[in-house]
Amino acid sequence: EARFGRIREQEASYFKKNVADQLDKRVGHVYKKAFMQVVEADMISKGMLGGDNWASWKTDEQMHVGTKLLELLIEGTGLVEMTKNKMADGSDDVTSMQMVQLAPAFVELLSKRAGALAGISPMHQPCVVPPKPWVGTVGGGYWSVGRRPLALVRTHSKKALRRYDYVHMPEVYKAVNLAQNTPWKVNKKVLAVVNEIVNWKHCPVGDVPAIEREELPPRPDDIDTNEVARKAWRKEAAAVYRKDKARQSRRLSMEFMVAQANKFANHKAIWFPYNMDWRGRVYAVSMFNPQGNDMTKGMLTLAKGKPIGLDGFYWLKIHGAN
């Protein structure tokens, strides 16, 4: 906003006449930003905007702006809060770290509506048509416009990604495309079971996080006067809080997976875009995928089954033994 807002403010008539309508035609943050970068460069070459290129903010400037925005978010919404967590490094030293986390009231509210909210608008989802083939290092996987193009290799360095443009690796592209061209479908029988047990208040299945948190230990009657009892209770309570944070995270993740399975349950086939990490390992892009946890894997099955054959039966026994 600070960078491109100066075009609107310093060159208002030019922006209204030559930029505004064209900007509205671009869909998505990535394409709007790319368009404005071209506009900015063209205006500077014409001597507009004082002929000055945009100077990126320094790290301390970014930190101060971010801190102020965080303060405004906390004051204006109460959505998040700053907490001080004590971190132990295995020795006797204990350090404190400030963390930003959702306020307890909003955590409870989200937990109650997790099922409804989980699948509203995830960035990456399965495809209902075969994914876009990878032919280069950028732009495979998803066909839709208005989203940030996927990179073949997951890296934060554009320079590192560009190196792969000069590498001849047809077998790599073939392997990734083969993985993402494999059609899957939701296993409705397993999904029906999952839909039933996830709503049980006390589910006996160990891998299903409980809906409600574990109760805190009872407070000692003499907690205000007995320091030993107070420290012991706080230690037990802290363990419950830590355990509950893990439960909340696992519960929200599970709700998301179940919501995705229900969303795509009636499709005859779905596909998963793939890319690679920096080691060359191939991973699905969406969170809901065949490489997920046991529950997620169980809710998926191949859309086009084939006879298992003797070799397949042999390997099935090996996997079963493992």
Protein backbone atom coordinates (compact mmCIF):
# COMPACT_ATOMS: atom_id res chain seq x y z
CA GLU A 1 0.00 0.00 0.00
CA ALA A 2 2.80 2.42 0.87
CA ARG A 3 4.68 1.64 -2.34
CA PHE A 4 1.88 1.75 -4.89
CA GLY A 5 -0.30 4.17 -2.93
CA ARG A 6 2.14 6.93 -3.85
CA ILE A 7 1.10 6.51 -7.50
CA ARG A 8 -2.50 7.20 -6.56
CA GLU A 9 -1.54 10.13 -4.33
CA GLN A 10 1.28 11.82 -6.28
CA GLU A 11 -0.11 11.22 -9.76
CA ALA A 12 -3.86 11.17 -9.13
CA SER A 13 -5.02 12.19 -12.61
CA TYR A 14 -2.65 9.76 -14.33
CA PHE A 15 -3.75 6.95 -12.03
CA LYS A 16 -7.43 7.61 -12.68
CA LYS A 17 -6.99 7.87 -16.46
CA ASN A 18 -4.46 5.13 -17.19
CA VAL A 19 -4.23 2.74 -14.26
CA ALA A 20 -7.42 2.33 -12.21
CA ASP A 21 -9.57 0.50 -14.78
CA GLN A 22 -6.73 -1.79 -15.86
CA LEU A 23 -5.94 -2.60 -12.24
CA ASP A 24 -9.56 -3.61 -11.59
CA LYS A 25 -9.37 -6.09 -14.47
CA ARG A 26 -6.56 -8.01 -12.75
CA VAL A 27 -7.73 -10.77 -10.45
CA GLY A 28 -5.70 -11.76 -7.42
CA HIS A 29 -2.94 -10.13 -5.40
CA VAL A 30 -0.10 -11.63 -7.45
CA TYR A 31 -1.34 -10.28 -10.78
CA LYS A 32 -2.27 -6.89 -9.35
CA LYS A 33 1.21 -6.52 -7.84
CA ALA A 34 2.93 -7.57 -11.07
CA PHE A 35 0.84 -5.05 -13.04
CA MET A 36 1.62 -2.22 -10.62
CA GLN A 37 5.34 -3.00 -10.77
CA VAL A 38 5.23 -2.55 -14.55
CA VAL A 39 3.24 0.69 -14.19
CA GLU A 40 5.69 2.00 -11.60
CA ALA A 41 8.73 1.26 -13.77
CA ASP A 42 7.11 2.93 -16.78
CA MET A 43 6.21 6.05 -14.80
CA ILE A 44 9.72 6.37 -13.37
CA SER A 45 11.20 6.07 -16.87
CA LYS A 46 8.98 9.00 -17.88
CA GLY A 47 10.29 11.12 -15.01
CA MET A 48 7.18 10.75 -12.88
CA LEU A 49 7.14 9.94 -9.13
CA GLY A 50 10.15 12.20 -8.79
CA GLY A 51 12.14 9.69 -10.83
CA ASP A 52 12.78 7.68 -7.66
CA ASN A 53 12.68 3.92 -7.37
CA TRP A 54 10.93 2.49 -4.34
CA ALA A 55 13.35 1.85 -1.48
CA SER A 56 12.43 -1.30 0.43
CA TRP A 57 11.96 -0.87 4.16
CA LYS A 58 14.85 -1.88 6.37
CA THR A 59 14.42 -4.69 8.87
CA ASP A 60 14.00 -2.35 11.85
CA GLU A 61 11.41 -0.30 9.94
CA GLN A 62 9.43 -3.44 9.12
CA MET A 63 9.63 -4.50 12.77
CA HIS A 64 8.32 -1.17 14.07
CA VAL A 65 5.44 -1.08 11.57
CA GLY A 66 4.55 -4.71 12.34
CA THR A 67 4.66 -4.08 16.08
CA LYS A 68 2.33 -1.10 15.77
CA LEU A 69 -0.12 -3.03 13.59
CA LEU A 70 -0.10 -5.85 16.13
CA GLU A 71 -0.84 -3.39 18.94
CA LEU A 72 -3.77 -1.96 16.96
CA LEU A 73 -5.10 -5.46 16.28
CA ILE A 74 -5.01 -6.34 19.98
CA GLU A 75 -6.56 -3.04 21.09
CA GLY A 76 -9.20 -2.94 18.37
CA THR A 77 -10.41 -6.54 18.29
CA GLY A 78 -9.23 -8.46 21.33
CA LEU A 79 -8.78 -11.34 18.90
CA VAL A 80 -5.22 -12.12 19.95
CA GLU A 81 -3.11 -11.54 23.02
CA MET A 82 0.54 -11.45 23.98
CA THR A 83 1.66 -14.18 26.34
CA LYS A 84 4.99 -14.90 27.98
CA ASN A 85 6.02 -18.54 27.79
CA LYS A 86 8.90 -20.03 29.71
CA MET A 87 11.19 -22.19 27.59
CA ALA A 88 13.64 -24.74 29.02
CA ASP A 89 16.66 -25.84 27.00
CA GLY A 90 17.35 -29.03 28.94
CA SER A 91 19.64 -27.34 31.44
CA ASP A 92 18.72 -25.38 34.53
CA ASP A 93 18.34 -22.22 32.43
CA VAL A 94 14.82 -21.06 31.68
CA THR A 95 14.17 -18.25 29.21
CA SER A 96 10.99 -16.32 28.55
CA MET A 97 9.60 -15.83 25.07
CA GLN A 98 6.74 -13.53 24.10
CA MET A 99 4.22 -15.17 21.80
CA VAL A 100 1.11 -14.04 19.94
CA GLN A 101 -1.85 -16.37 20.26
CA LEU A 102 -5.62 -16.35 19.93
CA ALA A 103 -7.52 -15.14 22.97
CA PRO A 104 -9.11 -18.06 24.88
CA ALA A 105 -12.65 -16.86 24.10
CA PHE A 106 -11.99 -17.02 20.36
CA VAL A 107 -10.28 -20.41 20.64
CA GLU A 108 -13.40 -21.79 22.30
CA LEU A 109 -15.63 -20.17 19.68
CA LEU A 110 -13.54 -21.56 16.82
CA SER A 111 -13.53 -25.01 18.37
CA LYS A 112 -17.33 -25.05 18.43
CA ARG A 113 -17.54 -23.98 14.78
CA ALA A 114 -14.46 -25.75 13.46
CA GLY A 115 -16.46 -28.13 11.29
CA ALA A 116 -18.31 -25.28 9.57
CA LEU A 117 -15.24 -23.09 9.16
CA ALA A 118 -12.64 -25.69 8.25
CA GLY A 119 -13.29 -25.92 4.54
CA ILE A 120 -14.42 -22.39 3.71
CA SER A 121 -11.41 -21.15 1.80
CA PRO A 122 -8.18 -23.14 2.05
CA MET A 123 -5.50 -21.90 -0.33
CA HIS A 124 -4.72 -25.33 -1.79
CA GLN A 125 -7.33 -28.02 -2.36
CA PRO A 126 -7.62 -31.17 -4.49
CA CYS A 127 -8.52 -30.70 -8.17
CA VAL A 128 -11.66 -32.03 -9.86
CA VAL A 129 -9.81 -32.19 -13.20
CA PRO A 130 -6.28 -33.49 -13.87
CA PRO A 131 -3.73 -30.90 -12.65
CA LYS A 132 -1.75 -28.69 -14.99
CA PRO A 133 1.38 -30.60 -16.11
CA TRP A 134 4.78 -29.40 -15.00
CA VAL A 135 6.88 -28.27 -17.98
CA GLY A 136 9.04 -25.73 -16.13
CA THR A 137 9.94 -24.65 -12.64
CA VAL A 138 6.88 -22.41 -12.15
CA GLY A 139 3.21 -22.66 -13.03
CA GLY A 140 2.26 -26.33 -12.77
CA GLY A 141 -0.42 -27.93 -10.63
CA TYR A 142 -3.36 -25.52 -10.67
CA TRP A 143 -5.08 -24.17 -13.77
CA SER A 144 -6.88 -21.24 -12.12
CA VAL A 145 -5.71 -17.66 -12.52
CA GLY A 146 -5.63 -15.09 -9.76
CA ARG A 147 -3.49 -17.19 -7.43
CA ARG A 148 0.23 -17.22 -6.81
CA PRO A 149 1.78 -19.69 -9.29
CA LEU A 150 3.22 -22.81 -7.71
CA ALA A 151 6.95 -23.44 -7.82
CA LEU A 152 8.26 -26.89 -8.67
CA VAL A 153 10.72 -26.73 -5.77
CA ARG A 154 9.71 -25.35 -2.38
CA THR A 155 12.24 -22.65 -1.62
CA HIS A 156 12.13 -19.06 -0.38
CA SER A 157 14.98 -18.11 -2.72
CA LYS A 158 14.00 -17.05 -6.24
CA LYS A 159 17.66 -17.21 -7.17
CA ALA A 160 17.85 -20.86 -6.12
CA LEU A 161 14.66 -21.67 -8.04
CA ARG A 162 15.97 -20.06 -11.24
CA ARG A 163 18.96 -22.43 -11.21
CA TYR A 164 16.65 -25.31 -12.07
CA ASP A 165 15.68 -23.55 -15.31
CA TYR A 166 19.08 -24.56 -16.68
CA VAL A 167 18.91 -28.19 -15.51
CA HIS A 168 17.82 -30.89 -17.98
CA MET A 169 15.58 -33.13 -15.87
CA PRO A 170 12.81 -34.71 -17.99
CA GLU A 171 12.56 -37.71 -15.65
CA VAL A 172 11.81 -35.40 -12.73
CA TYR A 173 8.95 -33.70 -14.57
CA LYS A 174 7.68 -37.11 -15.69
CA ALA A 175 7.68 -38.45 -12.12
CA VAL A 176 5.87 -35.46 -10.61
CA ASN A 177 3.30 -35.41 -13.42
CA LEU A 178 2.71 -39.15 -13.00
CA ALA A 179 2.01 -38.67 -9.30
CA GLN A 180 -0.44 -35.82 -9.80
CA ASN A 181 -2.20 -37.50 -12.75
CA THR A 182 -3.23 -40.42 -10.52
CA PRO A 183 -6.98 -40.13 -9.80
CA TRP A 184 -8.28 -40.69 -6.28
CA LYS A 185 -11.73 -40.62 -4.69
CA VAL A 186 -13.16 -40.38 -1.20
CA ASN A 187 -13.91 -43.70 0.49
CA LYS A 188 -17.51 -43.06 1.52
CA LYS A 189 -17.71 -46.08 3.84
CA VAL A 190 -14.75 -44.92 5.89
CA LEU A 191 -15.98 -41.31 5.77
CA ALA A 192 -19.34 -42.37 7.23
CA VAL A 193 -17.55 -43.94 10.20
CA VAL A 194 -15.33 -40.87 10.66
CA ASN A 195 -18.32 -38.51 10.52
CA GLU A 196 -19.90 -40.50 13.33
CA ILE A 197 -16.99 -40.82 15.74
CA VAL A 198 -15.59 -37.28 15.46
CA ASN A 199 -18.71 -35.92 17.17
CA TRP A 200 -18.57 -38.29 20.13
CA LYS A 201 -17.93 -36.33 23.29
CA HIS A 202 -15.73 -39.08 24.69
CA CYS A 203 -14.28 -40.96 21.74
CA PRO A 204 -12.40 -44.17 22.67
CA VAL A 205 -10.32 -44.01 19.48
CA GLY A 206 -6.93 -42.76 20.61
CA ASP A 207 -6.09 -40.85 17.42
CA VAL A 208 -9.27 -38.73 17.57
CA PRO A 209 -8.71 -35.55 19.65
CA ALA A 210 -11.43 -34.90 22.20
CA ILE A 211 -13.98 -32.13 21.67
CA GLU A 212 -13.53 -30.73 25.17
CA ARG A 213 -10.33 -30.08 27.05
CA GLU A 214 -9.16 -32.02 30.06
CA GLU A 215 -10.26 -30.60 33.39
CA LEU A 216 -7.72 -28.68 35.43
CA PRO A 217 -6.59 -30.32 38.68
CA PRO A 218 -8.54 -29.12 41.74
CA ARG A 219 -6.98 -26.11 43.44
CA PRO A 220 -5.66 -26.80 46.95
CA ASP A 221 -7.63 -25.07 49.69
CA ASP A 222 -4.45 -23.51 51.05
CA ILE A 223 -3.04 -22.40 47.69
CA ASP A 224 -2.76 -18.77 48.86
CA THR A 225 -0.69 -19.62 51.92
CA ASN A 226 1.09 -22.88 51.04
CA GLU A 227 3.88 -22.15 48.55
CA VAL A 228 4.75 -25.84 48.05
CA ALA A 229 1.14 -26.72 47.24
CA ARG A 230 0.84 -23.67 44.97
CA LYS A 231 3.95 -24.61 42.95
CA ALA A 232 2.82 -28.23 42.65
CA TRP A 233 -0.64 -27.19 41.42
CA ARG A 234 0.77 -24.72 38.91
CA LYS A 235 3.06 -27.42 37.52
CA GLU A 236 0.13 -29.81 37.06
CA ALA A 237 -2.06 -27.06 35.57
CA ALA A 238 0.70 -26.01 33.15
CA ALA A 239 0.94 -29.59 31.90
CA VAL A 240 -2.82 -29.62 31.26
CA TYR A 241 -2.61 -26.30 29.35
CA ARG A 242 0.27 -27.60 27.20
CA LYS A 243 -1.61 -30.79 26.47
CA ASP A 244 -4.72 -28.81 25.57
CA LYS A 245 -2.86 -26.62 23.08
CA ALA A 246 -1.75 -29.77 21.26
CA ARG A 247 -5.33 -31.09 21.41
CA GLN A 248 -6.72 -27.88 19.91
CA SER A 249 -4.24 -27.99 17.05
CA ARG A 250 -4.92 -31.66 16.30
CA ARG A 251 -8.67 -31.15 16.58
CA LEU A 252 -8.73 -28.24 14.13
CA SER A 253 -6.51 -30.18 11.71
CA MET A 254 -8.81 -33.20 11.90
CA GLU A 255 -11.92 -31.05 11.40
CA PHE A 256 -10.32 -29.60 8.28
CA MET A 257 -9.52 -33.03 6.81
CA VAL A 258 -13.03 -34.31 7.48
CA ALA A 259 -14.55 -31.16 5.94
CA GLN A 260 -12.43 -31.62 2.80
CA ALA A 261 -13.42 -35.29 2.53
CA ASN A 262 -17.12 -34.38 2.79
CA LYS A 263 -16.70 -31.60 0.23
CA PHE A 264 -15.25 -33.93 -2.42
CA ALA A 265 -17.16 -37.10 -1.45
CA ASN A 266 -19.51 -37.02 -4.44
CA HIS A 267 -16.84 -36.54 -7.09
CA LYS A 268 -16.04 -39.67 -9.08
CA ALA A 269 -12.36 -38.69 -9.13
CA ILE A 270 -10.11 -36.03 -7.63
CA TRP A 271 -6.45 -35.24 -8.22
CA PHE A 272 -3.69 -33.79 -6.07
CA PRO A 273 -1.09 -31.33 -7.43
CA TYR A 274 2.46 -32.20 -6.41
CA ASN A 275 5.80 -30.42 -6.16
CA MET A 276 9.10 -31.11 -4.41
CA ASP A 277 11.10 -30.01 -1.41
CA TRP A 278 14.71 -28.90 -1.75
CA ARG A 279 15.89 -32.52 -1.36
CA GLY A 280 13.86 -33.70 -4.35
CA ARG A 281 11.19 -35.47 -2.32
CA VAL A 282 7.77 -35.27 -3.95
CA TYR A 283 4.85 -34.05 -1.82
CA ALA A 284 1.20 -33.20 -2.45
CA VAL A 285 0.50 -29.46 -2.24
CA SER A 286 -2.88 -29.59 -0.47
CA MET A 287 -3.13 -30.42 3.23
CA PHE A 288 -5.77 -33.06 2.48
CA ASN A 289 -3.85 -35.67 0.51
CA PRO A 290 -2.90 -39.38 0.37
CA GLN A 291 0.33 -38.66 2.27
CA GLY A 292 -1.54 -37.49 5.37
CA ASN A 293 -2.07 -39.25 8.70
CA ASP A 294 -3.78 -42.63 9.00
CA MET A 295 -7.29 -41.15 9.18
CA THR A 296 -6.74 -39.05 6.06
CA LYS A 297 -5.27 -41.99 4.15
CA GLY A 298 -8.22 -44.11 5.21
CA MET A 299 -10.71 -41.60 3.79
CA LEU A 300 -9.10 -41.87 0.32
CA THR A 301 -8.90 -44.68 -2.19
CA LEU A 302 -7.76 -44.95 -5.80
CA ALA A 303 -10.47 -44.02 -8.30
CA LYS A 304 -9.40 -46.66 -10.83
CA GLY A 305 -8.74 -49.99 -9.15
CA LYS A 306 -6.81 -52.80 -10.81
CA PRO A 307 -6.32 -56.50 -9.94
CA ILE A 308 -3.64 -56.78 -7.28
CA GLY A 309 -1.80 -59.66 -8.99
CA LEU A 310 0.79 -62.00 -7.47
CA ASP A 311 3.47 -59.33 -7.06
CA GLY A 312 0.96 -56.96 -5.52
CA PHE A 313 -0.22 -59.61 -3.06
CA TYR A 314 3.39 -60.31 -2.10
CA TRP A 315 4.04 -56.64 -1.34
CA LEU A 316 0.70 -56.30 0.45
CA LYS A 317 1.84 -58.99 2.89
CA ILE A 318 5.14 -57.17 3.42
CA HIS A 319 3.39 -53.86 4.10
CA GLY A 320 0.96 -55.63 6.41
CA ALA A 321 3.82 -57.20 8.34
CA ASN A 322 5.49 -53.81 8.69
